[in-house]
Amino acid sequence: MATQADILNRLGIESLTTFGLAPVELVHLTADLGCSFIAIGLSPLPINPEGYPVWSLREPEPRRALKQAMAERGVSIGLGQGFGIFPGRDVRDLEGDLDMLCELGVTRLSGVSLEPDAGRSFDQIAALAEMADKRSVQIMLEFVPTRAIPDLPAALDVVRRLDAANVRIMIDCMHLIRSGGSAADVAALDPALIGYAQICDAPLVPANPDYLEEAVTERLVPGAGQLPLAEIIAALPADVPIGIEVPMRTRALAGDGPHQRAHDCVEGVLGLLAR
């Protein structure tokens, strides 16, 4: 039976949960909550309801401060972000950014495609995997309903066709269930194929017709929605890290700060597992 400490050691706080909060502050928040890692890119996401100052890890001093904070608090970067596949952008132009993340100790990189063209999406993921492999970094391939890789079978097909040793599957709980997948589908996978998971809750039937807007602005505290989260977690390999990705823009605009929101999410996960 996993202890609370075991679970906390697998949990991390993703930058989308805290929107534009600066990296060092995210490290301290994560450590204060007992979690072990953060997920972050070199610059903040464009969603910033709390009006935080813009920051950039492309400058040496912010990277130095982040490394110092992580060393002091025992927190790592469990997932590097900012390398999504987009129309009109070539991931090969981001080699310098990848080197900066590697300087910060990143060994996993989020690989999500928002490119509607399936052929170009595949080619760009292949290029990203090759770039990452040269730096001993793994790609966590994320599937997103409504896009070129919409579900778990499509993601598995991409992994099979890539035949790259450093590409694994990311299980986002909302994307899994909303795309027609299940915890049983996860349990049926070869455990070696799963590299990372993202946890949140949501209603089974979306209230917002814009899937991506819902995904990046309004998710629910684990246990507050209808996703079978306990079953999904049980289906994951026991060593897979779990990032808390729960953007709650409405609560943020109401003045509910990032620490309280993230705390509620951590307690939600622990409560699910306790039941």
C-alpha atoms as a PDB file:
ATOM      1  CA  MET A   1       0.000   0.000   0.000  1.00  0.00           C
ATOM      2  CA  ALA A   2       1.438   3.359  -1.033  1.00  0.00           C
ATOM      3  CA  THR A   3       1.882   5.840   1.808  1.00  0.00           C
ATOM      4  CA  GLN A   4       0.995   9.536   1.621  1.00  0.00           C
ATOM      5  CA  ALA A   5       4.716  10.284   1.321  1.00  0.00           C
ATOM      6  CA  ASP A   6       4.965   7.877  -1.621  1.00  0.00           C
ATOM      7  CA  ILE A   7       2.124   9.647  -3.400  1.00  0.00           C
ATOM      8  CA  LEU A   8       3.483  13.132  -2.709  1.00  0.00           C
ATOM      9  CA  ASN A   9       6.824  12.043  -4.113  1.00  0.00           C
ATOM     10  CA  ARG A  10       5.057  11.261  -7.403  1.00  0.00           C
ATOM     11  CA  LEU A  11       3.100  14.525  -7.503  1.00  0.00           C
ATOM     12  CA  GLY A  12       4.111  17.763  -9.171  1.00  0.00           C
ATOM     13  CA  ILE A  13       2.512  21.154  -9.771  1.00  0.00           C
ATOM     14  CA  GLU A  14       2.228  22.179 -13.420  1.00  0.00           C
ATOM     15  CA  SER A  15       2.517  25.803 -14.482  1.00  0.00           C
ATOM     16  CA  LEU A  16      -1.009  25.828 -15.929  1.00  0.00           C
ATOM     17  CA  THR A  17      -2.329  25.302 -12.391  1.00  0.00           C
ATOM     18  CA  THR A  18      -0.730  28.551 -11.236  1.00  0.00           C
ATOM     19  CA  PHE A  19      -0.967  30.425 -14.564  1.00  0.00           C
ATOM     20  CA  GLY A  20       1.753  33.110 -14.740  1.00  0.00           C
ATOM     21  CA  LEU A  21       3.352  32.556 -11.341  1.00  0.00           C
ATOM     22  CA  ALA A  22       7.127  33.035 -11.560  1.00  0.00           C
ATOM     23  CA  PRO A  23       9.321  29.899 -11.552  1.00  0.00           C
ATOM     24  CA  VAL A  24      11.022  30.431  -8.185  1.00  0.00           C
ATOM     25  CA  GLU A  25       7.667  31.087  -6.513  1.00  0.00           C
ATOM     26  CA  LEU A  26       6.310  27.932  -8.157  1.00  0.00           C
ATOM     27  CA  VAL A  27       9.186  25.936  -6.687  1.00  0.00           C
ATOM     28  CA  HIS A  28       8.477  27.240  -3.181  1.00  0.00           C
ATOM     29  CA  LEU A  29       4.731  26.609  -3.529  1.00  0.00           C
ATOM     30  CA  THR A  30       5.429  23.055  -4.714  1.00  0.00           C
ATOM     31  CA  ALA A  31       7.822  22.308  -1.866  1.00  0.00           C
ATOM     32  CA  ASP A  32       5.462  23.835   0.705  1.00  0.00           C
ATOM     33  CA  LEU A  33       2.770  21.408  -0.457  1.00  0.00           C
ATOM     34  CA  GLY A  34       5.115  18.432  -0.162  1.00  0.00           C
ATOM     35  CA  CYS A  35       5.298  17.730  -3.905  1.00  0.00           C
ATOM     36  CA  SER A  36       8.512  16.863  -5.693  1.00  0.00           C
ATOM     37  CA  PHE A  37       8.531  18.547  -9.097  1.00  0.00           C
ATOM     38  CA  ILE A  38       7.200  21.309 -11.324  1.00  0.00           C
ATOM     39  CA  ALA A  39       6.277  21.381 -15.007  1.00  0.00           C
ATOM     40  CA  ILE A  40       7.321  24.584 -16.742  1.00  0.00           C
ATOM     41  CA  GLY A  41       8.658  26.151 -19.916  1.00  0.00           C
ATOM     42  CA  LEU A  42      11.105  28.980 -20.522  1.00  0.00           C
ATOM     43  CA  SER A  43       8.329  31.591 -20.609  1.00  0.00           C
ATOM     44  CA  PRO A  44       4.852  31.831 -19.106  1.00  0.00           C
ATOM     45  CA  LEU A  45       1.695  30.707 -20.811  1.00  0.00           C
ATOM     46  CA  PRO A  46      -0.397  33.534 -22.315  1.00  0.00           C
ATOM     47  CA  ILE A  47      -3.169  32.955 -19.756  1.00  0.00           C
ATOM     48  CA  ASN A  48      -2.473  35.322 -16.850  1.00  0.00           C
ATOM     49  CA  PRO A  49      -5.696  36.247 -15.034  1.00  0.00           C
ATOM     50  CA  GLU A  50      -3.831  37.351 -11.897  1.00  0.00           C
ATOM     51  CA  GLY A  51      -1.597  39.796 -13.771  1.00  0.00           C
ATOM     52  CA  TYR A  52       1.812  38.451 -12.805  1.00  0.00           C
ATOM     53  CA  PRO A  53       4.868  40.214 -14.253  1.00  0.00           C
ATOM     54  CA  VAL A  54       6.180  38.555 -17.396  1.00  0.00           C
ATOM     55  CA  TRP A  55       9.271  36.413 -16.787  1.00  0.00           C
ATOM     56  CA  SER A  56      11.753  34.560 -18.996  1.00  0.00           C
ATOM     57  CA  LEU A  57      14.164  31.714 -18.286  1.00  0.00           C
ATOM     58  CA  ARG A  58      16.046  32.534 -21.457  1.00  0.00           C
ATOM     59  CA  GLU A  59      18.110  34.968 -19.380  1.00  0.00           C
ATOM     60  CA  PRO A  60      21.017  33.553 -17.324  1.00  0.00           C
ATOM     61  CA  GLU A  61      20.120  35.152 -13.978  1.00  0.00           C
ATOM     62  CA  PRO A  62      16.548  33.770 -13.747  1.00  0.00           C
ATOM     63  CA  ARG A  63      17.911  30.304 -14.626  1.00  0.00           C
ATOM     64  CA  ARG A  64      20.545  30.608 -11.893  1.00  0.00           C
ATOM     65  CA  ALA A  65      17.903  31.662  -9.356  1.00  0.00           C
ATOM     66  CA  LEU A  66      15.656  28.774 -10.357  1.00  0.00           C
ATOM     67  CA  LYS A  67      18.461  26.220 -10.045  1.00  0.00           C
ATOM     68  CA  GLN A  68      19.328  27.585  -6.615  1.00  0.00           C
ATOM     69  CA  ALA A  69      15.705  27.442  -5.436  1.00  0.00           C
ATOM     70  CA  MET A  70      15.269  23.883  -6.725  1.00  0.00           C
ATOM     71  CA  ALA A  71      18.451  22.748  -4.976  1.00  0.00           C
ATOM     72  CA  GLU A  72      17.425  24.388  -1.709  1.00  0.00           C
ATOM     73  CA  ARG A  73      13.883  22.994  -1.725  1.00  0.00           C
ATOM     74  CA  GLY A  74      14.500  19.542  -3.213  1.00  0.00           C
ATOM     75  CA  VAL A  75      12.293  20.197  -6.252  1.00  0.00           C
ATOM     76  CA  SER A  76      13.079  19.292  -9.861  1.00  0.00           C
ATOM     77  CA  ILE A  77      11.534  20.025 -13.241  1.00  0.00           C
ATOM     78  CA  GLY A  78       9.615  16.842 -13.980  1.00  0.00           C
ATOM     79  CA  LEU A  79       8.360  18.023 -17.365  1.00  0.00           C
ATOM     80  CA  GLY A  80       9.709  20.659 -19.719  1.00  0.00           C
ATOM     81  CA  GLN A  81       7.104  22.587 -21.686  1.00  0.00           C
ATOM     82  CA  GLY A  82       6.970  24.966 -24.625  1.00  0.00           C
ATOM     83  CA  PHE A  83       7.711  22.553 -27.469  1.00  0.00           C
ATOM     84  CA  GLY A  84       4.205  22.016 -28.799  1.00  0.00           C
ATOM     85  CA  ILE A  85       3.673  21.352 -32.489  1.00  0.00           C
ATOM     86  CA  PHE A  86       1.922  24.346 -34.074  1.00  0.00           C
ATOM     87  CA  PRO A  87       1.121  25.337 -37.655  1.00  0.00           C
ATOM     88  CA  GLY A  88       3.854  27.544 -39.076  1.00  0.00           C
ATOM     89  CA  ARG A  89       6.463  26.659 -36.454  1.00  0.00           C
ATOM     90  CA  ASP A  90       9.363  24.275 -36.903  1.00  0.00           C
ATOM     91  CA  VAL A  91      10.513  22.588 -33.677  1.00  0.00           C
ATOM     92  CA  ARG A  92      14.035  22.432 -35.086  1.00  0.00           C
ATOM     93  CA  ASP A  93      14.241  26.185 -34.478  1.00  0.00           C
ATOM     94  CA  LEU A  94      13.960  25.497 -30.727  1.00  0.00           C
ATOM     95  CA  GLU A  95      17.247  23.660 -30.189  1.00  0.00           C
ATOM     96  CA  GLY A  96      18.626  26.554 -28.153  1.00  0.00           C
ATOM     97  CA  ASP A  97      15.564  26.492 -25.898  1.00  0.00           C
ATOM     98  CA  LEU A  98      15.975  22.762 -25.391  1.00  0.00           C
ATOM     99  CA  ASP A  99      19.596  23.253 -24.359  1.00  0.00           C
ATOM    100  CA  MET A 100      18.483  25.786 -21.738  1.00  0.00           C
ATOM    101  CA  LEU A 101      15.949  23.340 -20.299  1.00  0.00           C
ATOM    102  CA  CYS A 102      18.594  20.624 -20.216  1.00  0.00           C
ATOM    103  CA  GLU A 103      20.792  23.035 -18.263  1.00  0.00           C
ATOM    104  CA  LEU A 104      17.962  23.086 -15.700  1.00  0.00           C
ATOM    105  CA  GLY A 105      17.977  19.294 -15.454  1.00  0.00           C
ATOM    106  CA  VAL A 106      15.009  18.454 -17.672  1.00  0.00           C
ATOM    107  CA  THR A 107      14.830  14.803 -18.767  1.00  0.00           C
ATOM    108  CA  ARG A 108      11.192  14.752 -19.974  1.00  0.00           C
ATOM    109  CA  LEU A 109       9.622  17.037 -22.537  1.00  0.00           C
ATOM    110  CA  SER A 110       5.941  17.509 -23.277  1.00  0.00           C
ATOM    111  CA  GLY A 111       5.106  16.548 -26.852  1.00  0.00           C
ATOM    112  CA  VAL A 112       1.648  17.845 -27.701  1.00  0.00           C
ATOM    113  CA  SER A 113       0.495  18.568 -31.240  1.00  0.00           C
ATOM    114  CA  LEU A 114      -1.993  21.312 -32.042  1.00  0.00           C
ATOM    115  CA  GLU A 115      -1.191  20.926 -35.733  1.00  0.00           C
ATOM    116  CA  PRO A 116      -4.335  19.841 -37.625  1.00  0.00           C
ATOM    117  CA  ASP A 117      -2.354  18.273 -40.477  1.00  0.00           C
ATOM    118  CA  ALA A 118      -1.598  14.696 -39.395  1.00  0.00           C
ATOM    119  CA  GLY A 119       1.357  14.283 -41.757  1.00  0.00           C
ATOM    120  CA  ARG A 120       3.104  17.452 -40.664  1.00  0.00           C
ATOM    121  CA  SER A 121       2.285  16.652 -37.041  1.00  0.00           C
ATOM    122  CA  PHE A 122       4.052  13.291 -37.346  1.00  0.00           C
ATOM    123  CA  ASP A 123       7.094  14.789 -39.063  1.00  0.00           C
ATOM    124  CA  GLN A 124       7.459  17.482 -36.415  1.00  0.00           C
ATOM    125  CA  ILE A 125       7.144  14.997 -33.548  1.00  0.00           C
ATOM    126  CA  ALA A 126       9.798  12.860 -35.227  1.00  0.00           C
ATOM    127  CA  ALA A 127      12.101  15.891 -35.448  1.00  0.00           C
ATOM    128  CA  LEU A 128      11.446  16.752 -31.788  1.00  0.00           C
ATOM    129  CA  ALA A 129      12.179  13.158 -30.743  1.00  0.00           C
ATOM    130  CA  GLU A 130      15.474  13.228 -32.636  1.00  0.00           C
ATOM    131  CA  MET A 131      16.488  16.533 -31.042  1.00  0.00           C
ATOM    132  CA  ALA A 132      15.604  15.228 -27.590  1.00  0.00           C
ATOM    133  CA  ASP A 133      17.332  11.882 -28.050  1.00  0.00           C
ATOM    134  CA  LYS A 134      20.653  13.631 -28.726  1.00  0.00           C
ATOM    135  CA  ARG A 135      20.303  15.130 -25.236  1.00  0.00           C
ATOM    136  CA  SER A 136      19.020  11.964 -23.459  1.00  0.00           C
ATOM    137  CA  VAL A 137      15.582  13.552 -23.056  1.00  0.00           C
ATOM    138  CA  GLN A 138      12.317  11.625 -23.351  1.00  0.00           C
ATOM    139  CA  ILE A 139       9.239  12.895 -25.188  1.00  0.00           C
ATOM    140  CA  MET A 140       5.899  12.505 -23.414  1.00  0.00           C
ATOM    141  CA  LEU A 141       3.439  12.272 -26.308  1.00  0.00           C
ATOM    142  CA  GLU A 142       0.074  13.811 -25.377  1.00  0.00           C
ATOM    143  CA  PHE A 143      -3.147  13.153 -27.275  1.00  0.00           C
ATOM    144  CA  VAL A 144      -5.833  15.854 -27.420  1.00  0.00           C
ATOM    145  CA  PRO A 145      -9.412  15.387 -28.637  1.00  0.00           C
ATOM    146  CA  THR A 146     -10.223  17.533 -31.709  1.00  0.00           C
ATOM    147  CA  ARG A 147      -6.594  17.548 -32.913  1.00  0.00           C
ATOM    148  CA  ALA A 148      -4.373  15.397 -35.154  1.00  0.00           C
ATOM    149  CA  ILE A 149      -3.670  12.873 -32.367  1.00  0.00           C
ATOM    150  CA  PRO A 150      -7.136  12.737 -30.781  1.00  0.00           C
ATOM    151  CA  ASP A 151      -7.050   9.631 -28.582  1.00  0.00           C
ATOM    152  CA  LEU A 152      -4.979   6.865 -27.057  1.00  0.00           C
ATOM    153  CA  PRO A 153      -5.099   4.519 -30.106  1.00  0.00           C
ATOM    154  CA  ALA A 154      -3.879   7.361 -32.343  1.00  0.00           C
ATOM    155  CA  ALA A 155      -1.039   8.146 -29.937  1.00  0.00           C
ATOM    156  CA  LEU A 156      -0.041   4.480 -29.812  1.00  0.00           C
ATOM    157  CA  ASP A 157       0.001   4.405 -33.610  1.00  0.00           C
ATOM    158  CA  VAL A 158       2.333   7.411 -33.703  1.00  0.00           C
ATOM    159  CA  VAL A 159       4.651   5.768 -31.159  1.00  0.00           C
ATOM    160  CA  ARG A 160       4.673   2.563 -33.205  1.00  0.00           C
ATOM    161  CA  ARG A 161       5.464   4.377 -36.453  1.00  0.00           C
ATOM    162  CA  LEU A 162       8.130   6.562 -34.870  1.00  0.00           C
ATOM    163  CA  ASP A 163       9.911   3.525 -33.414  1.00  0.00           C
ATOM    164  CA  ALA A 164      11.931   5.879 -31.215  1.00  0.00           C
ATOM    165  CA  ALA A 165      13.169   4.579 -27.877  1.00  0.00           C
ATOM    166  CA  ASN A 166      12.712   7.968 -26.175  1.00  0.00           C
ATOM    167  CA  VAL A 167       9.001   8.514 -26.962  1.00  0.00           C
ATOM    168  CA  ARG A 168       6.412   7.462 -24.395  1.00  0.00           C
ATOM    169  CA  ILE A 169       2.733   8.190 -23.789  1.00  0.00           C
ATOM    170  CA  MET A 170       1.354  10.900 -21.520  1.00  0.00           C
ATOM    171  CA  ILE A 171      -2.003  10.102 -19.923  1.00  0.00           C
ATOM    172  CA  ASP A 172      -4.031  13.279 -19.328  1.00  0.00           C
ATOM    173  CA  CYS A 173      -7.096  12.122 -17.377  1.00  0.00           C
ATOM    174  CA  MET A 174      -9.483  14.582 -19.017  1.00  0.00           C
ATOM    175  CA  HIS A 175      -8.261  13.874 -22.536  1.00  0.00           C
ATOM    176  CA  LEU A 176      -8.395  10.124 -21.912  1.00  0.00           C
ATOM    177  CA  ILE A 177     -12.017  10.001 -20.798  1.00  0.00           C
ATOM    178  CA  ARG A 178     -13.344  12.722 -23.087  1.00  0.00           C
ATOM    179  CA  SER A 179     -11.831  10.916 -26.095  1.00  0.00           C
ATOM    180  CA  GLY A 180     -13.656   7.697 -25.234  1.00  0.00           C
ATOM    181  CA  GLY A 181     -10.830   5.987 -23.360  1.00  0.00           C
ATOM    182  CA  SER A 182     -10.951   4.304 -19.965  1.00  0.00           C
ATOM    183  CA  ALA A 183      -8.831   3.217 -17.036  1.00  0.00           C
ATOM    184  CA  ALA A 184      -9.009  -0.318 -18.443  1.00  0.00           C
ATOM    185  CA  ASP A 185      -7.353   0.931 -21.633  1.00  0.00           C
ATOM    186  CA  VAL A 186      -4.486   2.308 -19.562  1.00  0.00           C
ATOM    187  CA  ALA A 187      -4.183  -0.902 -17.548  1.00  0.00           C
ATOM    188  CA  ALA A 188      -3.957  -2.894 -20.794  1.00  0.00           C
ATOM    189  CA  LEU A 189      -0.896  -0.967 -22.005  1.00  0.00           C
ATOM    190  CA  ASP A 190       2.659  -2.176 -21.718  1.00  0.00           C
ATOM    191  CA  PRO A 191       3.778  -0.227 -18.609  1.00  0.00           C
ATOM    192  CA  ALA A 192       6.978   0.751 -20.385  1.00  0.00           C
ATOM    193  CA  LEU A 193       4.928   2.822 -22.839  1.00  0.00           C
ATOM    194  CA  ILE A 194       3.615   5.194 -20.135  1.00  0.00           C
ATOM    195  CA  GLY A 195       5.976   7.952 -19.080  1.00  0.00           C
ATOM    196  CA  TYR A 196       3.872  10.614 -17.377  1.00  0.00           C
ATOM    197  CA  ALA A 197       0.340  11.459 -16.285  1.00  0.00           C
ATOM    198  CA  GLN A 198      -1.622  14.662 -15.743  1.00  0.00           C
ATOM    199  CA  ILE A 199      -4.457  14.700 -13.253  1.00  0.00           C
ATOM    200  CA  CYS A 200      -7.489  16.964 -13.047  1.00  0.00           C
ATOM    201  CA  ASP A 201     -11.225  16.473 -12.790  1.00  0.00           C
ATOM    202  CA  ALA A 202     -14.030  17.528 -15.097  1.00  0.00           C
ATOM    203  CA  PRO A 203     -17.652  16.775 -15.919  1.00  0.00           C
ATOM    204  CA  LEU A 204     -18.170  13.947 -18.372  1.00  0.00           C
ATOM    205  CA  VAL A 205     -20.194  16.242 -20.628  1.00  0.00           C
ATOM    206  CA  PRO A 206     -18.466  19.581 -21.303  1.00  0.00           C
ATOM    207  CA  ALA A 207     -20.303  22.824 -20.642  1.00  0.00           C
ATOM    208  CA  ASN A 208     -17.947  24.726 -22.957  1.00  0.00           C
ATOM    209  CA  PRO A 209     -18.162  23.800 -26.667  1.00  0.00           C
ATOM    210  CA  ASP A 210     -14.556  24.961 -27.167  1.00  0.00           C
ATOM    211  CA  TYR A 211     -12.557  21.987 -25.929  1.00  0.00           C
ATOM    212  CA  LEU A 212      -9.175  23.700 -25.825  1.00  0.00           C
ATOM    213  CA  GLU A 213     -10.503  26.751 -23.998  1.00  0.00           C
ATOM    214  CA  GLU A 214     -11.944  24.511 -21.308  1.00  0.00           C
ATOM    215  CA  ALA A 215      -8.723  22.524 -21.111  1.00  0.00           C
ATOM    216  CA  VAL A 216      -6.500  25.561 -20.510  1.00  0.00           C
ATOM    217  CA  THR A 217      -8.812  27.666 -18.340  1.00  0.00           C
ATOM    218  CA  GLU A 218     -11.337  25.648 -16.354  1.00  0.00           C
ATOM    219  CA  ARG A 219     -10.751  22.210 -14.894  1.00  0.00           C
ATOM    220  CA  LEU A 220     -11.849  20.883 -11.504  1.00  0.00           C
ATOM    221  CA  VAL A 221     -10.094  19.853  -8.311  1.00  0.00           C
ATOM    222  CA  PRO A 222      -9.536  16.076  -8.333  1.00  0.00           C
ATOM    223  CA  GLY A 223     -12.584  14.474  -6.752  1.00  0.00           C
ATOM    224  CA  ALA A 224     -14.910  17.369  -7.596  1.00  0.00           C
ATOM    225  CA  GLY A 225     -15.943  16.109 -11.029  1.00  0.00           C
ATOM    226  CA  GLN A 226     -16.956  12.892 -12.732  1.00  0.00           C
ATOM    227  CA  LEU A 227     -13.732  11.412 -14.087  1.00  0.00           C
ATOM    228  CA  PRO A 228     -12.756   7.951 -12.714  1.00  0.00           C
ATOM    229  CA  LEU A 229      -9.512   9.287 -11.310  1.00  0.00           C
ATOM    230  CA  ALA A 230      -8.840   6.642  -8.654  1.00  0.00           C
ATOM    231  CA  GLU A 231      -9.213   3.925 -11.271  1.00  0.00           C
ATOM    232  CA  ILE A 232      -6.908   5.731 -13.715  1.00  0.00           C
ATOM    233  CA  ILE A 233      -4.222   6.226 -11.053  1.00  0.00           C
ATOM    234  CA  ALA A 234      -4.496   2.556 -10.085  1.00  0.00           C
ATOM    235  CA  ALA A 235      -3.983   1.606 -13.732  1.00  0.00           C
ATOM    236  CA  LEU A 236      -0.756   3.603 -14.012  1.00  0.00           C
ATOM    237  CA  PRO A 237       2.643   2.067 -13.302  1.00  0.00           C
ATOM    238  CA  ALA A 238       3.584   2.822  -9.700  1.00  0.00           C
ATOM    239  CA  ASP A 239       6.612   4.914 -10.637  1.00  0.00           C
ATOM    240  CA  VAL A 240       4.964   7.221 -13.182  1.00  0.00           C
ATOM    241  CA  PRO A 241       5.053  10.899 -12.113  1.00  0.00           C
ATOM    242  CA  ILE A 242       1.692  12.655 -11.912  1.00  0.00           C
ATOM    243  CA  GLY A 243       1.464  16.358 -12.695  1.00  0.00           C
ATOM    244  CA  ILE A 244      -1.426  18.360 -11.247  1.00  0.00           C
ATOM    245  CA  GLU A 245      -2.727  20.348 -14.213  1.00  0.00           C
ATOM    246  CA  VAL A 246      -5.820  22.147 -12.959  1.00  0.00           C
ATOM    247  CA  PRO A 247      -6.337  25.651 -14.340  1.00  0.00           C
ATOM    248  CA  MET A 248      -9.163  27.418 -12.505  1.00  0.00           C
ATOM    249  CA  ARG A 249      -9.485  30.859 -14.024  1.00  0.00           C
ATOM    250  CA  THR A 250     -12.811  31.649 -12.346  1.00  0.00           C
ATOM    251  CA  ARG A 251     -11.353  31.015  -8.895  1.00  0.00           C
ATOM    252  CA  ALA A 252      -8.232  33.008  -9.777  1.00  0.00           C
ATOM    253  CA  LEU A 253     -10.302  35.995 -10.893  1.00  0.00           C
ATOM    254  CA  ALA A 254     -12.285  35.735  -7.652  1.00  0.00           C
ATOM    255  CA  GLY A 255      -9.077  36.228  -5.682  1.00  0.00           C
ATOM    256  CA  ASP A 256      -8.399  32.619  -4.746  1.00  0.00           C
ATOM    257  CA  GLY A 257      -4.606  32.504  -4.885  1.00  0.00           C
ATOM    258  CA  PRO A 258      -2.381  29.872  -6.487  1.00  0.00           C
ATOM    259  CA  HIS A 259      -1.303  28.308  -3.185  1.00  0.00           C
ATOM    260  CA  GLN A 260      -4.884  27.683  -2.079  1.00  0.00           C
ATOM    261  CA  ARG A 261      -5.902  26.325  -5.471  1.00  0.00           C
ATOM    262  CA  ALA A 262      -2.909  23.989  -5.668  1.00  0.00           C
ATOM    263  CA  HIS A 263      -3.390  22.928  -2.030  1.00  0.00           C
ATOM    264  CA  ASP A 264      -6.974  21.945  -2.765  1.00  0.00           C
ATOM    265  CA  CYS A 265      -5.774  19.852  -5.708  1.00  0.00           C
ATOM    266  CA  VAL A 266      -3.139  18.026  -3.678  1.00  0.00           C
ATOM    267  CA  GLU A 267      -5.687  17.313  -0.944  1.00  0.00           C
ATOM    268  CA  GLY A 268      -8.111  16.137  -3.612  1.00  0.00           C
ATOM    269  CA  VAL A 269      -5.626  13.600  -4.965  1.00  0.00           C
ATOM    270  CA  LEU A 270      -4.747  12.349  -1.479  1.00  0.00           C
ATOM    271  CA  GLY A 271      -8.432  12.082  -0.638  1.00  0.00           C
ATOM    272  CA  LEU A 272      -9.147  10.042  -3.751  1.00  0.00           C
ATOM    273  CA  LEU A 273      -6.420   7.579  -2.925  1.00  0.00           C
ATOM    274  CA  ALA A 274      -7.441   7.363   0.714  1.00  0.00           C
ATOM    275  CA  ARG A 275     -10.923   6.271  -0.363  1.00  0.00           C
END
